[in-house]
Amino acid sequence: MDDVTSDSETDSTEEIDAHALITTLYSDQRKTKSEEGNGTRNKQEYALLVNGLEKDFVKKKMKNYEKAIAVEAKHKRQTQQEMNELQRDMK
């Protein structure tokens, strides 16, 4: 009797697993955006796309660094002026 019930439990478990697999692979295509003409890309096109994105990212970082350098240079000039004034006051 135990063998019969264990076989039926295994069958129901397999059905549940198969059903879970099907539901996890389902997606609503209406929610995804698709661009026309960009259906398939080869490795070279993806490499160019990634390189372009990295190039833009590096350009943004360079602009931020340039701004930070300018701010630090201004701060350095102000500090140097203050030091010069303090040295004149000491004399």
Protein backbone atom coordinates (compact mmCIF):
# COMPACT_ATOMS: atom_id res chain seq x y z
CA MET A 1 0.00 0.00 0.00
CA ASP A 2 2.87 2.41 0.79
CA ASP A 3 4.43 1.80 -2.61
CA VAL A 4 1.25 2.84 -4.40
CA THR A 5 0.89 6.07 -2.46
CA SER A 6 4.57 6.97 -2.89
CA ASP A 7 4.28 6.52 -6.67
CA SER A 8 1.22 8.76 -6.83
CA GLU A 9 2.98 11.40 -4.72
CA THR A 10 5.96 11.33 -7.09
CA ASP A 11 3.68 11.80 -10.10
CA SER A 12 1.93 14.77 -8.52
CA THR A 13 5.28 16.31 -7.53
CA GLU A 14 6.52 15.96 -11.12
CA GLU A 15 3.35 17.62 -12.39
CA ILE A 16 3.80 20.48 -9.93
CA ASP A 17 7.45 20.92 -10.92
CA ALA A 18 6.55 20.90 -14.62
CA HIS A 19 3.79 23.46 -13.99
CA ALA A 20 6.16 25.66 -11.96
CA LEU A 21 8.72 25.52 -14.77
CA ILE A 22 6.15 26.60 -17.33
CA THR A 23 4.95 29.50 -15.21
CA THR A 24 8.48 30.74 -14.54
CA LEU A 25 9.21 30.89 -18.26
CA TYR A 26 6.08 32.88 -19.07
CA SER A 27 6.39 36.59 -19.74
CA ASP A 28 4.01 39.29 -20.86
CA GLN A 29 5.31 40.56 -24.19
CA ARG A 30 3.18 43.70 -24.02
CA LYS A 31 5.35 45.08 -21.22
CA THR A 32 8.60 44.76 -23.15
CA LYS A 33 9.70 47.41 -25.58
CA SER A 34 11.15 46.38 -28.88
CA GLU A 35 13.03 48.52 -31.34
CA GLU A 36 12.59 47.94 -35.00
CA GLY A 37 15.70 46.99 -36.91
CA ASN A 38 17.59 45.86 -33.82
CA GLY A 39 16.30 42.32 -33.68
CA THR A 40 19.58 40.50 -34.00
CA ARG A 41 23.10 41.71 -33.40
CA ASN A 42 26.37 39.95 -33.81
CA LYS A 43 29.32 40.03 -31.44
CA GLN A 44 31.00 42.90 -33.26
CA GLU A 45 27.92 45.13 -32.99
CA TYR A 46 27.66 44.38 -29.26
CA ALA A 47 31.36 45.10 -28.82
CA LEU A 48 30.93 48.45 -30.58
CA LEU A 49 27.90 49.24 -28.44
CA VAL A 50 29.74 48.41 -25.22
CA ASN A 51 32.79 50.41 -26.30
CA GLY A 52 30.58 53.39 -27.08
CA LEU A 53 28.91 53.20 -23.68
CA GLU A 54 32.27 52.91 -21.93
CA LYS A 55 33.59 55.86 -23.95
CA ASP A 56 30.65 58.02 -22.85
CA PHE A 57 31.14 56.95 -19.23
CA VAL A 58 34.85 57.81 -19.34
CA LYS A 59 34.10 61.21 -20.91
CA LYS A 60 31.68 62.02 -18.09
CA LYS A 61 34.24 60.97 -15.48
CA MET A 62 36.91 63.12 -17.17
CA LYS A 63 34.60 66.15 -17.10
CA ASN A 64 33.95 65.57 -13.40
CA TYR A 65 37.69 65.25 -12.72
CA GLU A 66 38.39 68.44 -14.67
CA LYS A 67 35.81 70.29 -12.58
CA ALA A 68 37.32 68.90 -9.38
CA ILE A 69 40.81 69.93 -10.52
CA ALA A 70 39.59 73.45 -11.26
CA VAL A 71 38.00 73.72 -7.81
CA GLU A 72 41.18 72.45 -6.13
CA ALA A 73 43.33 74.87 -8.15
CA LYS A 74 41.09 77.75 -7.03
CA HIS A 75 41.36 76.56 -3.43
CA LYS A 76 45.15 76.35 -3.77
CA ARG A 77 45.35 79.94 -5.08
CA GLN A 78 43.20 81.20 -2.21
CA THR A 79 45.31 79.36 0.34
CA GLN A 80 48.51 80.70 -1.22
CA GLN A 81 47.14 84.27 -1.09
CA GLU A 82 46.23 83.84 2.57
CA MET A 83 49.72 82.50 3.32
CA ASN A 84 51.32 85.47 1.53
CA GLU A 85 49.17 87.92 3.52
CA LEU A 86 50.05 86.19 6.78
CA GLN A 87 53.77 86.31 5.92
CA ARG A 88 53.51 90.05 5.17
CA ASP A 89 51.77 90.55 8.49
CA MET A 90 54.55 88.68 10.27
CA LYS A 91 57.21 91.00 8.83
